């Protein structure tokens, strides 16, 4: 049960990162209006540690890609290596 809930939380985080990155490529959306403003606030909270460590390469910011890889690795270790063997 706990592992299932944690898996859903990770999926929501992945979705938020992907949606904000894709919407950043389309300049027609107003980032000052809801619900995009809330998504961007959550995104900035999640991405702050990664953006502090990984600088942009020219005009390309690879921190979302690194964040997705890190979060997937964390999810795998936490859920499938720790919680599932314990029966949680």
N, C-alpha and C. Protein backbone atom coordinates (compact mmCIF):
# COMPACT_ATOMS: atom_id res chain seq x y z
N UNK A 1 0.81 -1.19 0.00
CA UNK A 1 0.00 0.00 0.00
C UNK A 1 0.86 1.26 0.00
N UNK A 2 1.86 1.29 0.88
CA UNK A 2 2.74 2.46 0.94
C UNK A 2 3.53 2.59 -0.35
N UNK A 3 3.99 1.44 -0.87
CA UNK A 3 4.78 1.49 -2.10
C UNK A 3 3.93 1.97 -3.27
N UNK A 4 2.66 1.56 -3.30
CA UNK A 4 1.75 2.01 -4.36
C UNK A 4 1.51 3.51 -4.29
N UNK A 5 1.29 4.03 -3.08
CA UNK A 5 1.08 5.46 -2.89
C UNK A 5 2.32 6.26 -3.27
N UNK A 6 3.48 5.77 -2.87
CA UNK A 6 4.73 6.43 -3.20
C UNK A 6 4.98 6.42 -4.71
N UNK A 7 4.61 5.33 -5.35
CA UNK A 7 4.76 5.23 -6.81
C UNK A 7 3.87 6.27 -7.51
N UNK A 8 2.67 6.47 -7.03
CA UNK A 8 1.77 7.47 -7.60
C UNK A 8 2.34 8.88 -7.42
N UNK A 9 2.92 9.14 -6.25
CA UNK A 9 3.52 10.45 -6.00
C UNK A 9 4.67 10.71 -6.97
N UNK A 10 5.51 9.70 -7.18
CA UNK A 10 6.61 9.85 -8.14
C UNK A 10 6.07 10.10 -9.55
N UNK A 11 5.02 9.40 -9.94
CA UNK A 11 4.44 9.59 -11.28
C UNK A 11 3.90 11.02 -11.45
N UNK A 12 3.30 11.56 -10.41
CA UNK A 12 2.80 12.94 -10.45
C UNK A 12 3.96 13.92 -10.61
N UNK A 13 5.04 13.68 -9.89
CA UNK A 13 6.22 14.54 -10.01
C UNK A 13 6.79 14.47 -11.42
N UNK A 14 6.88 13.26 -11.99
CA UNK A 14 7.37 13.12 -13.38
C UNK A 14 6.48 13.92 -14.32
N UNK A 15 5.18 13.79 -14.15
CA UNK A 15 4.23 14.47 -15.02
C UNK A 15 4.37 15.98 -14.92
N UNK A 16 4.54 16.50 -13.72
CA UNK A 16 4.71 17.94 -13.53
C UNK A 16 5.96 18.43 -14.25
N UNK A 17 7.06 17.71 -14.09
CA UNK A 17 8.31 18.11 -14.75
C UNK A 17 8.15 18.11 -16.25
N UNK A 18 7.57 17.06 -16.81
CA UNK A 18 7.42 16.94 -18.27
C UNK A 18 6.48 18.02 -18.80
N UNK A 19 5.37 18.26 -18.12
CA UNK A 19 4.40 19.26 -18.59
C UNK A 19 5.02 20.65 -18.60
N UNK A 20 5.71 21.03 -17.52
CA UNK A 20 6.29 22.37 -17.45
C UNK A 20 7.39 22.54 -18.49
N UNK A 21 8.20 21.50 -18.70
CA UNK A 21 9.25 21.59 -19.72
C UNK A 21 8.63 21.74 -21.11
N UNK A 22 7.61 20.95 -21.41
CA UNK A 22 6.98 21.06 -22.73
C UNK A 22 6.28 22.40 -22.92
N UNK A 23 5.64 22.91 -21.87
CA UNK A 23 4.97 24.20 -21.98
C UNK A 23 5.96 25.36 -22.08
N UNK A 24 7.18 25.15 -21.60
CA UNK A 24 8.18 26.21 -21.72
C UNK A 24 8.62 26.41 -23.17
N UNK A 25 8.39 25.41 -23.99
CA UNK A 25 8.73 25.53 -25.41
C UNK A 25 7.66 26.28 -26.19
N UNK A 26 6.47 26.43 -25.61
CA UNK A 26 5.35 27.09 -26.28
C UNK A 26 5.11 28.42 -25.58
N UNK A 27 5.47 29.53 -26.20
CA UNK A 27 5.39 30.83 -25.52
C UNK A 27 3.99 31.43 -25.44
N UNK A 28 2.96 30.75 -25.90
CA UNK A 28 1.63 31.36 -25.92
C UNK A 28 0.91 31.24 -24.58
N UNK A 29 1.44 30.44 -23.64
CA UNK A 29 0.78 30.27 -22.35
C UNK A 29 1.22 31.35 -21.38
N UNK A 30 0.24 31.91 -20.66
CA UNK A 30 0.53 32.94 -19.67
C UNK A 30 0.88 32.25 -18.35
N UNK A 31 2.12 32.41 -17.92
CA UNK A 31 2.60 31.73 -16.72
C UNK A 31 2.15 32.42 -15.44
N UNK A 32 1.43 33.51 -15.54
CA UNK A 32 0.95 34.23 -14.36
C UNK A 32 -0.46 33.81 -13.96
N UNK A 33 -1.07 32.89 -14.71
CA UNK A 33 -2.43 32.46 -14.44
C UNK A 33 -2.44 31.02 -13.94
N UNK A 34 -3.47 30.73 -13.16
CA UNK A 34 -3.66 29.36 -12.66
C UNK A 34 -4.16 28.49 -13.79
N UNK A 35 -3.95 27.23 -13.82
CA UNK A 35 -3.21 26.37 -12.91
C UNK A 35 -1.71 26.30 -13.23
N UNK A 36 -1.30 26.97 -14.29
CA UNK A 36 0.10 26.91 -14.69
C UNK A 36 1.02 27.52 -13.64
N UNK A 37 0.55 28.54 -12.95
CA UNK A 37 1.36 29.17 -11.91
C UNK A 37 1.68 28.18 -10.78
N UNK A 38 0.70 27.41 -10.39
CA UNK A 38 0.90 26.40 -9.34
C UNK A 38 1.86 25.31 -9.81
N UNK A 39 1.70 24.87 -11.04
CA UNK A 39 2.62 23.85 -11.58
C UNK A 39 4.05 24.36 -11.62
N UNK A 40 4.23 25.61 -12.00
CA UNK A 40 5.57 26.19 -12.07
C UNK A 40 6.18 26.33 -10.68
N UNK A 41 5.37 26.67 -9.68
CA UNK A 41 5.87 26.77 -8.31
C UNK A 41 6.34 25.40 -7.81
N UNK A 42 5.55 24.37 -8.07
CA UNK A 42 5.94 23.02 -7.68
C UNK A 42 7.19 22.59 -8.43
N UNK A 43 7.22 22.88 -9.73
CA UNK A 43 8.37 22.55 -10.56
C UNK A 43 9.64 23.22 -10.04
N UNK A 44 9.55 24.50 -9.72
CA UNK A 44 10.73 25.23 -9.22
C UNK A 44 11.20 24.67 -7.88
N UNK A 45 10.28 24.23 -7.05
CA UNK A 45 10.65 23.63 -5.78
C UNK A 45 11.40 22.32 -5.99
N UNK A 46 10.91 21.51 -6.91
CA UNK A 46 11.55 20.23 -7.19
C UNK A 46 12.90 20.44 -7.86
N UNK A 47 12.97 21.39 -8.77
CA UNK A 47 14.17 21.56 -9.59
C UNK A 47 15.26 22.42 -8.95
N UNK A 48 14.98 23.11 -7.87
CA UNK A 48 15.97 24.02 -7.26
C UNK A 48 17.31 23.34 -6.95
N UNK A 49 17.32 22.16 -6.32
CA UNK A 49 18.63 21.54 -6.05
C UNK A 49 19.38 21.15 -7.33
N UNK A 50 18.65 20.70 -8.33
CA UNK A 50 19.29 20.27 -9.58
C UNK A 50 19.84 21.47 -10.36
N UNK A 51 19.08 22.57 -10.38
CA UNK A 51 19.54 23.77 -11.08
C UNK A 51 20.73 24.41 -10.38
N UNK A 52 20.84 24.22 -9.06
CA UNK A 52 21.98 24.77 -8.33
C UNK A 52 23.26 24.01 -8.65
N UNK A 53 23.14 22.73 -8.95
CA UNK A 53 24.31 21.90 -9.23
C UNK A 53 24.67 21.88 -10.71
N UNK A 54 23.66 21.82 -11.57
CA UNK A 54 23.89 21.64 -13.01
C UNK A 54 23.62 22.95 -13.74
N UNK A 55 24.67 23.59 -14.25
CA UNK A 55 24.45 24.83 -15.01
C UNK A 55 23.94 24.52 -16.42
N UNK A 56 23.24 25.47 -17.03
CA UNK A 56 22.80 25.26 -18.42
C UNK A 56 24.01 25.15 -19.36
N UNK A 57 23.85 24.34 -20.38
CA UNK A 57 24.89 24.20 -21.39
C UNK A 57 24.46 25.07 -22.57
N UNK A 58 25.03 26.25 -22.66
CA UNK A 58 24.60 27.19 -23.69
C UNK A 58 23.17 27.61 -23.41
N UNK A 59 22.29 27.34 -24.36
CA UNK A 59 20.87 27.67 -24.20
C UNK A 59 20.05 26.46 -23.73
N UNK A 60 20.72 25.34 -23.47
CA UNK A 60 20.02 24.11 -23.12
C UNK A 60 20.18 23.82 -21.64
N UNK A 61 19.05 23.61 -20.98
CA UNK A 61 19.05 23.26 -19.56
C UNK A 61 18.77 21.76 -19.45
N UNK A 62 19.78 21.00 -19.02
CA UNK A 62 19.60 19.56 -18.93
C UNK A 62 19.20 19.11 -17.52
N UNK A 63 19.00 20.06 -16.62
CA UNK A 63 18.65 19.68 -15.24
C UNK A 63 17.33 18.91 -15.15
N UNK A 64 16.29 19.17 -15.97
CA UNK A 64 15.10 18.32 -15.89
C UNK A 64 15.38 16.87 -16.26
N UNK A 65 16.23 16.66 -17.23
CA UNK A 65 16.58 15.29 -17.62
C UNK A 65 17.32 14.59 -16.49
N UNK A 66 18.27 15.27 -15.88
CA UNK A 66 19.01 14.71 -14.76
C UNK A 66 18.06 14.46 -13.58
N UNK A 67 17.13 15.37 -13.36
CA UNK A 67 16.16 15.20 -12.27
C UNK A 67 15.28 13.97 -12.50
N UNK A 68 14.82 13.78 -13.73
CA UNK A 68 13.99 12.62 -14.03
C UNK A 68 14.76 11.32 -13.81
N UNK A 69 16.00 11.28 -14.26
CA UNK A 69 16.83 10.09 -14.07
C UNK A 69 17.07 9.84 -12.59
N UNK A 70 17.41 10.88 -11.84
CA UNK A 70 17.64 10.75 -10.41
C UNK A 70 16.38 10.28 -9.68
N UNK A 71 15.23 10.86 -10.02
CA UNK A 71 13.99 10.48 -9.37
C UNK A 71 13.59 9.05 -9.71
N UNK A 72 13.82 8.61 -10.94
CA UNK A 72 13.52 7.23 -11.30
C UNK A 72 14.42 6.25 -10.55
N UNK A 73 15.68 6.60 -10.42
CA UNK A 73 16.60 5.76 -9.66
C UNK A 73 16.20 5.71 -8.18
N UNK A 74 15.83 6.85 -7.63
CA UNK A 74 15.38 6.91 -6.24
C UNK A 74 14.10 6.10 -6.05
N UNK A 75 13.18 6.22 -6.99
CA UNK A 75 11.93 5.45 -6.91
C UNK A 75 12.22 3.96 -6.94
N UNK A 76 13.08 3.53 -7.84
CA UNK A 76 13.41 2.12 -7.96
C UNK A 76 14.01 1.58 -6.67
N UNK A 77 14.99 2.29 -6.14
CA UNK A 77 15.65 1.83 -4.91
C UNK A 77 14.69 1.84 -3.74
N UNK A 78 13.95 2.91 -3.59
CA UNK A 78 13.05 3.05 -2.44
C UNK A 78 11.90 2.05 -2.47
N UNK A 79 11.28 1.92 -3.63
CA UNK A 79 10.09 1.06 -3.71
C UNK A 79 10.46 -0.40 -3.91
N UNK A 80 11.23 -0.69 -4.95
CA UNK A 80 11.46 -2.08 -5.34
C UNK A 80 12.58 -2.77 -4.59
N UNK A 81 13.45 -2.02 -3.97
CA UNK A 81 14.55 -2.63 -3.20
C UNK A 81 14.34 -2.57 -1.70
N UNK A 82 13.50 -1.64 -1.22
CA UNK A 82 13.32 -1.49 0.22
C UNK A 82 11.88 -1.86 0.65
N UNK A 83 10.88 -1.18 0.07
CA UNK A 83 9.51 -1.35 0.54
C UNK A 83 8.84 -2.67 0.11
N UNK A 84 8.99 -3.04 -1.16
CA UNK A 84 8.34 -4.26 -1.64
C UNK A 84 8.88 -5.51 -0.94
N UNK A 85 10.20 -5.66 -0.77
CA UNK A 85 10.67 -6.85 -0.03
C UNK A 85 10.17 -6.89 1.42
N UNK A 86 9.88 -5.74 2.01
CA UNK A 86 9.34 -5.71 3.38
C UNK A 86 7.84 -5.96 3.41
N UNK A 87 7.22 -6.03 2.24
CA UNK A 87 5.78 -6.27 2.16
C UNK A 87 4.96 -5.01 2.35
N UNK A 88 5.58 -3.87 2.17
CA UNK A 88 4.86 -2.61 2.33
C UNK A 88 4.47 -2.13 0.96
